[in-house]
Amino acid sequence: MNNQFFEEARRSDILGKELISNLLESMNYNNISFINWAIDILKIIRTRIERGDKITDAVSGVVYDKKTFEAFVKEHFSSYIHSQVFADPKKAEKVYFHLEACEGGYNLVMATSSKEKTYKWISSLSERFSLVEMIATGIVYVKDNKTNTYTPFISGAGKYCRYDVEAGKIIEL
C-alpha cells in the first residue's frame, strides 16, 4: 500500500482524513493484503500511543489514548483485526482465507467461515491416498490421508493436471 500512510502513522501527530478513510475503506475488501495493511498501520499507531505520543484523529478530532484508540478499532474494524492489533499473540483470533482467481494469479480472500472447503474429493486410490481437486485452481492433488498432506498430481510428461468431470478423466494442462 501507500508508503505515505506508513510514514504518516509513524511520524505525524495528526492522522489525516485520507489515512482514516483508507483504513476504514479497507474493511470493504476481504483481501489479505488490505487486512494486513490495516493491521500494520493500526499496530504502529497503537505502539506510538502506548509510548506516550499524542495522536489526533483529523476526522473526529479525538486525541487518542490507549482506551479511546482501542474503542475506535473495536467499533470500526472486524474482531479479527482488533484481536491482531490488541490481543496477546497467543490469544489472537484466527481467520481463514480462500483463493480467488484474478488477472495474473490468485487473491487470498477472507473466508466467511472456517468450514469453507479448499479441496473437492475426486476418488480414493487406496486407504492411504485420495485424488482431490483444489477448488480455486482446478489442479489435481494426491492427498496422503495418513499425514494429511497434499502433493500436486504430475503426469508422466511432467505437467500439472486437472480433472474433467464430464469426461471422467484427468487431463494434462
C-alpha atoms as a PDB file:
ATOM      1  CA  MET A   1       0.000   0.000   0.000  1.00  0.00           C
ATOM      2  CA  ASN A   2       0.946   3.634   0.058  1.00  0.00           C
ATOM      3  CA  ASN A   3       4.229   4.312   1.914  1.00  0.00           C
ATOM      4  CA  GLN A   4       2.969   7.826   2.612  1.00  0.00           C
ATOM      5  CA  PHE A   5       0.385   6.321   5.004  1.00  0.00           C
ATOM      6  CA  PHE A   6       3.039   4.285   6.831  1.00  0.00           C
ATOM      7  CA  GLU A   7       5.150   7.408   7.251  1.00  0.00           C
ATOM      8  CA  GLU A   8       2.119   9.352   8.482  1.00  0.00           C
ATOM      9  CA  ALA A   9       1.316   6.604  11.009  1.00  0.00           C
ATOM     10  CA  ARG A  10       4.975   6.534  12.153  1.00  0.00           C
ATOM     11  CA  ARG A  11       5.628  10.245  12.476  1.00  0.00           C
ATOM     12  CA  SER A  12       2.591  12.507  12.321  1.00  0.00           C
ATOM     13  CA  ASP A  13       0.737  13.776  15.375  1.00  0.00           C
ATOM     14  CA  ILE A  14      -2.396  14.074  13.228  1.00  0.00           C
ATOM     15  CA  LEU A  15      -3.926  11.141  11.389  1.00  0.00           C
ATOM     16  CA  GLY A  16      -5.174  12.738   8.181  1.00  0.00           C
ATOM     17  CA  LYS A  17      -8.587  12.291   6.630  1.00  0.00           C
ATOM     18  CA  GLU A  18      -7.111  10.310   3.723  1.00  0.00           C
ATOM     19  CA  LEU A  19      -5.394   7.820   6.038  1.00  0.00           C
ATOM     20  CA  ILE A  20      -8.509   7.354   8.173  1.00  0.00           C
ATOM     21  CA  SER A  21     -10.633   6.995   5.031  1.00  0.00           C
ATOM     22  CA  ASN A  22      -8.288   4.365   3.579  1.00  0.00           C
ATOM     23  CA  LEU A  23      -8.204   2.431   6.855  1.00  0.00           C
ATOM     24  CA  LEU A  24     -11.993   2.386   7.073  1.00  0.00           C
ATOM     25  CA  GLU A  25     -12.303   1.548   3.364  1.00  0.00           C
ATOM     26  CA  SER A  26     -10.007  -1.458   3.853  1.00  0.00           C
ATOM     27  CA  MET A  27     -12.925  -3.102   5.668  1.00  0.00           C
ATOM     28  CA  ASN A  28     -14.819  -3.256   2.358  1.00  0.00           C
ATOM     29  CA  TYR A  29     -12.193  -5.628   0.959  1.00  0.00           C
ATOM     30  CA  ASN A  30     -11.635  -9.078   2.383  1.00  0.00           C
ATOM     31  CA  ASN A  31      -8.320  -9.365   0.585  1.00  0.00           C
ATOM     32  CA  ILE A  32      -5.417 -10.388   2.817  1.00  0.00           C
ATOM     33  CA  SER A  33      -3.182  -7.569   1.627  1.00  0.00           C
ATOM     34  CA  PHE A  34      -5.738  -4.912   2.660  1.00  0.00           C
ATOM     35  CA  ILE A  35      -6.335  -6.604   6.014  1.00  0.00           C
ATOM     36  CA  ASN A  36      -2.618  -6.917   6.759  1.00  0.00           C
ATOM     37  CA  TRP A  37      -2.048  -3.312   5.683  1.00  0.00           C
ATOM     38  CA  ALA A  38      -4.719  -2.078   8.101  1.00  0.00           C
ATOM     39  CA  ILE A  39      -3.304  -4.226  10.919  1.00  0.00           C
ATOM     40  CA  ASP A  40       0.221  -2.915  10.318  1.00  0.00           C
ATOM     41  CA  ILE A  41      -0.896   0.729  10.334  1.00  0.00           C
ATOM     42  CA  LEU A  42      -3.051   0.258  13.438  1.00  0.00           C
ATOM     43  CA  LYS A  43      -0.217  -1.503  15.287  1.00  0.00           C
ATOM     44  CA  ILE A  44       2.138   1.388  14.518  1.00  0.00           C
ATOM     45  CA  ILE A  45      -0.398   3.859  15.902  1.00  0.00           C
ATOM     46  CA  ARG A  46      -1.045   1.678  18.980  1.00  0.00           C
ATOM     47  CA  THR A  47       2.701   1.471  19.719  1.00  0.00           C
ATOM     48  CA  ARG A  48       3.110   5.228  19.443  1.00  0.00           C
ATOM     49  CA  ILE A  49       0.148   5.852  21.757  1.00  0.00           C
ATOM     50  CA  GLU A  50       1.488   3.333  24.285  1.00  0.00           C
ATOM     51  CA  ARG A  51       4.828   5.158  24.396  1.00  0.00           C
ATOM     52  CA  GLY A  52       3.014   8.408  25.146  1.00  0.00           C
ATOM     53  CA  ASP A  53       2.619  10.137  21.772  1.00  0.00           C
ATOM     54  CA  LYS A  54      -0.440  12.367  21.454  1.00  0.00           C
ATOM     55  CA  ILE A  55      -2.125  11.478  18.174  1.00  0.00           C
ATOM     56  CA  THR A  56      -5.201  13.319  16.908  1.00  0.00           C
ATOM     57  CA  ASP A  57      -7.788  11.900  14.513  1.00  0.00           C
ATOM     58  CA  ALA A  58      -8.384  14.612  11.880  1.00  0.00           C
ATOM     59  CA  VAL A  59     -11.877  13.268  11.151  1.00  0.00           C
ATOM     60  CA  SER A  60     -13.308  13.051  14.681  1.00  0.00           C
ATOM     61  CA  GLY A  61     -10.934  15.451  16.425  1.00  0.00           C
ATOM     62  CA  VAL A  62     -10.286  12.867  19.165  1.00  0.00           C
ATOM     63  CA  VAL A  63      -6.838  12.848  20.754  1.00  0.00           C
ATOM     64  CA  TYR A  64      -6.276   9.134  21.236  1.00  0.00           C
ATOM     65  CA  ASP A  65      -5.154   7.449  24.397  1.00  0.00           C
ATOM     66  CA  LYS A  66      -4.981   3.673  24.827  1.00  0.00           C
ATOM     67  CA  LYS A  67      -8.646   3.352  25.756  1.00  0.00           C
ATOM     68  CA  THR A  68     -10.119   5.622  23.054  1.00  0.00           C
ATOM     69  CA  PHE A  69      -7.923   4.150  20.328  1.00  0.00           C
ATOM     70  CA  GLU A  70      -8.915   0.599  21.220  1.00  0.00           C
ATOM     71  CA  ALA A  71     -12.572   1.691  21.226  1.00  0.00           C
ATOM     72  CA  PHE A  72     -12.076   3.208  17.748  1.00  0.00           C
ATOM     73  CA  VAL A  73     -10.568  -0.030  16.405  1.00  0.00           C
ATOM     74  CA  LYS A  74     -13.225  -2.189  18.068  1.00  0.00           C
ATOM     75  CA  GLU A  75     -16.046  -0.047  16.654  1.00  0.00           C
ATOM     76  CA  HIS A  76     -14.801   0.320  13.073  1.00  0.00           C
ATOM     77  CA  PHE A  77     -12.887  -2.892  12.309  1.00  0.00           C
ATOM     78  CA  SER A  78     -13.535  -6.614  12.410  1.00  0.00           C
ATOM     79  CA  SER A  79     -12.962  -8.655  15.543  1.00  0.00           C
ATOM     80  CA  TYR A  80     -10.093 -10.339  13.713  1.00  0.00           C
ATOM     81  CA  ILE A  81      -8.300  -7.023  13.108  1.00  0.00           C
ATOM     82  CA  HIS A  82      -8.981  -5.920  16.686  1.00  0.00           C
ATOM     83  CA  SER A  83      -7.503  -9.158  18.026  1.00  0.00           C
ATOM     84  CA  GLN A  84      -4.416  -8.821  15.828  1.00  0.00           C
ATOM     85  CA  VAL A  85      -3.800  -5.256  16.983  1.00  0.00           C
ATOM     86  CA  PHE A  86      -4.571  -5.634  20.719  1.00  0.00           C
ATOM     87  CA  ALA A  87      -4.650  -9.277  21.836  1.00  0.00           C
ATOM     88  CA  ASP A  88      -1.783 -11.290  23.205  1.00  0.00           C
ATOM     89  CA  PRO A  89      -0.430 -13.062  20.087  1.00  0.00           C
ATOM     90  CA  LYS A  90      -1.270 -16.447  21.656  1.00  0.00           C
ATOM     91  CA  LYS A  91      -4.904 -15.384  22.026  1.00  0.00           C
ATOM     92  CA  ALA A  92      -5.313 -13.552  18.720  1.00  0.00           C
ATOM     93  CA  GLU A  93      -8.287 -14.643  16.653  1.00  0.00           C
ATOM     94  CA  LYS A  94      -7.588 -16.930  13.711  1.00  0.00           C
ATOM     95  CA  VAL A  95      -9.107 -16.274  10.309  1.00  0.00           C
ATOM     96  CA  TYR A  96      -9.122 -18.369   7.161  1.00  0.00           C
ATOM     97  CA  PHE A  97      -8.715 -17.386   3.544  1.00  0.00           C
ATOM     98  CA  HIS A  98      -9.613 -18.969   0.234  1.00  0.00           C
ATOM     99  CA  LEU A  99      -8.139 -18.460  -3.213  1.00  0.00           C
ATOM    100  CA  GLU A 100      -9.983 -16.444  -5.821  1.00  0.00           C
ATOM    101  CA  ALA A 101      -8.793 -16.271  -9.411  1.00  0.00           C
ATOM    102  CA  CYS A 102      -7.806 -12.828 -10.672  1.00  0.00           C
ATOM    103  CA  GLU A 103      -5.797 -11.448 -13.566  1.00  0.00           C
ATOM    104  CA  GLY A 104      -2.258 -12.768 -13.299  1.00  0.00           C
ATOM    105  CA  GLY A 105      -2.832 -15.103 -10.350  1.00  0.00           C
ATOM    106  CA  TYR A 106      -4.950 -15.592  -7.268  1.00  0.00           C
ATOM    107  CA  ASN A 107      -6.057 -13.358  -4.419  1.00  0.00           C
ATOM    108  CA  LEU A 108      -6.322 -14.596  -0.868  1.00  0.00           C
ATOM    109  CA  VAL A 109      -9.807 -13.572   0.253  1.00  0.00           C
ATOM    110  CA  MET A 110     -11.109 -13.874   3.806  1.00  0.00           C
ATOM    111  CA  ALA A 111     -13.421 -16.866   4.096  1.00  0.00           C
ATOM    112  CA  THR A 112     -16.858 -16.347   5.595  1.00  0.00           C
ATOM    113  CA  SER A 113     -16.374 -19.498   7.653  1.00  0.00           C
ATOM    114  CA  SER A 114     -13.597 -21.817   8.764  1.00  0.00           C
ATOM    115  CA  LYS A 115     -15.672 -24.601   7.206  1.00  0.00           C
ATOM    116  CA  GLU A 116     -15.176 -23.460   3.587  1.00  0.00           C
ATOM    117  CA  LYS A 117     -13.635 -26.233   1.563  1.00  0.00           C
ATOM    118  CA  THR A 118     -10.335 -25.836  -0.249  1.00  0.00           C
ATOM    119  CA  TYR A 119     -10.333 -29.243  -1.919  1.00  0.00           C
ATOM    120  CA  LYS A 120     -13.019 -31.364  -3.559  1.00  0.00           C
ATOM    121  CA  TRP A 121     -12.721 -35.145  -3.362  1.00  0.00           C
ATOM    122  CA  ILE A 122     -12.378 -36.955  -6.719  1.00  0.00           C
ATOM    123  CA  SER A 123     -11.567 -40.549  -5.880  1.00  0.00           C
ATOM    124  CA  SER A 124      -9.853 -42.809  -3.363  1.00  0.00           C
ATOM    125  CA  LEU A 125      -6.791 -44.554  -4.745  1.00  0.00           C
ATOM    126  CA  SER A 126      -6.272 -46.671  -1.638  1.00  0.00           C
ATOM    127  CA  GLU A 127      -6.892 -46.423   2.092  1.00  0.00           C
ATOM    128  CA  ARG A 128      -3.974 -44.036   2.341  1.00  0.00           C
ATOM    129  CA  PHE A 129      -4.233 -41.914  -0.836  1.00  0.00           C
ATOM    130  CA  SER A 130      -7.026 -39.945  -2.496  1.00  0.00           C
ATOM    131  CA  LEU A 131      -7.235 -37.724  -5.552  1.00  0.00           C
ATOM    132  CA  VAL A 132      -8.618 -34.276  -4.808  1.00  0.00           C
ATOM    133  CA  GLU A 133      -9.067 -31.092  -6.798  1.00  0.00           C
ATOM    134  CA  MET A 134      -8.142 -27.669  -5.437  1.00  0.00           C
ATOM    135  CA  ILE A 135     -11.411 -25.831  -5.962  1.00  0.00           C
ATOM    136  CA  ALA A 136      -9.882 -22.437  -6.826  1.00  0.00           C
ATOM    137  CA  THR A 137      -7.346 -23.689  -9.363  1.00  0.00           C
ATOM    138  CA  GLY A 138      -8.850 -26.914 -10.676  1.00  0.00           C
ATOM    139  CA  ILE A 139      -5.450 -28.613 -10.190  1.00  0.00           C
ATOM    140  CA  VAL A 140      -5.473 -32.262  -9.096  1.00  0.00           C
ATOM    141  CA  TYR A 141      -3.579 -33.247  -5.948  1.00  0.00           C
ATOM    142  CA  VAL A 142      -2.798 -36.543  -4.268  1.00  0.00           C
ATOM    143  CA  LYS A 143      -3.853 -36.388  -0.631  1.00  0.00           C
ATOM    144  CA  ASP A 144      -1.974 -38.587   1.837  1.00  0.00           C
ATOM    145  CA  ASN A 145      -4.754 -39.376   4.311  1.00  0.00           C
ATOM    146  CA  LYS A 146      -2.265 -40.647   6.900  1.00  0.00           C
ATOM    147  CA  THR A 147      -0.195 -37.442   7.073  1.00  0.00           C
ATOM    148  CA  ASN A 148      -2.928 -35.111   5.771  1.00  0.00           C
ATOM    149  CA  THR A 149      -0.551 -33.661   3.154  1.00  0.00           C
ATOM    150  CA  TYR A 150      -1.200 -32.713  -0.456  1.00  0.00           C
ATOM    151  CA  THR A 151       1.129 -33.151  -3.435  1.00  0.00           C
ATOM    152  CA  PRO A 152       0.302 -31.966  -6.964  1.00  0.00           C
ATOM    153  CA  PHE A 153      -0.533 -34.814  -9.330  1.00  0.00           C
ATOM    154  CA  ILE A 154       2.111 -34.589 -12.043  1.00  0.00           C
ATOM    155  CA  SER A 155       1.695 -36.505 -15.299  1.00  0.00           C
ATOM    156  CA  GLY A 156       4.371 -38.739 -16.822  1.00  0.00           C
ATOM    157  CA  ALA A 157       5.210 -35.798 -19.089  1.00  0.00           C
ATOM    158  CA  GLY A 158       5.873 -33.615 -16.001  1.00  0.00           C
ATOM    159  CA  LYS A 159       2.716 -31.499 -16.359  1.00  0.00           C
ATOM    160  CA  TYR A 160       0.092 -30.447 -13.827  1.00  0.00           C
ATOM    161  CA  CYS A 161      -3.353 -31.914 -14.379  1.00  0.00           C
ATOM    162  CA  ARG A 162      -6.990 -31.019 -13.904  1.00  0.00           C
ATOM    163  CA  TYR A 163      -9.999 -33.265 -13.540  1.00  0.00           C
ATOM    164  CA  ASP A 164     -12.620 -33.189 -16.295  1.00  0.00           C
ATOM    165  CA  VAL A 165     -15.836 -34.181 -14.534  1.00  0.00           C
ATOM    166  CA  GLU A 166     -17.836 -34.725 -17.733  1.00  0.00           C
ATOM    167  CA  ALA A 167     -15.204 -36.946 -19.357  1.00  0.00           C
ATOM    168  CA  GLY A 168     -14.388 -38.583 -16.027  1.00  0.00           C
ATOM    169  CA  LYS A 169     -10.653 -38.375 -16.539  1.00  0.00           C
ATOM    170  CA  ILE A 170      -7.556 -36.466 -15.553  1.00  0.00           C
ATOM    171  CA  ILE A 171      -6.226 -34.163 -18.265  1.00  0.00           C
ATOM    172  CA  GLU A 172      -2.757 -32.621 -18.576  1.00  0.00           C
ATOM    173  CA  LEU A 173      -2.577 -28.843 -18.657  1.00  0.00           C
END
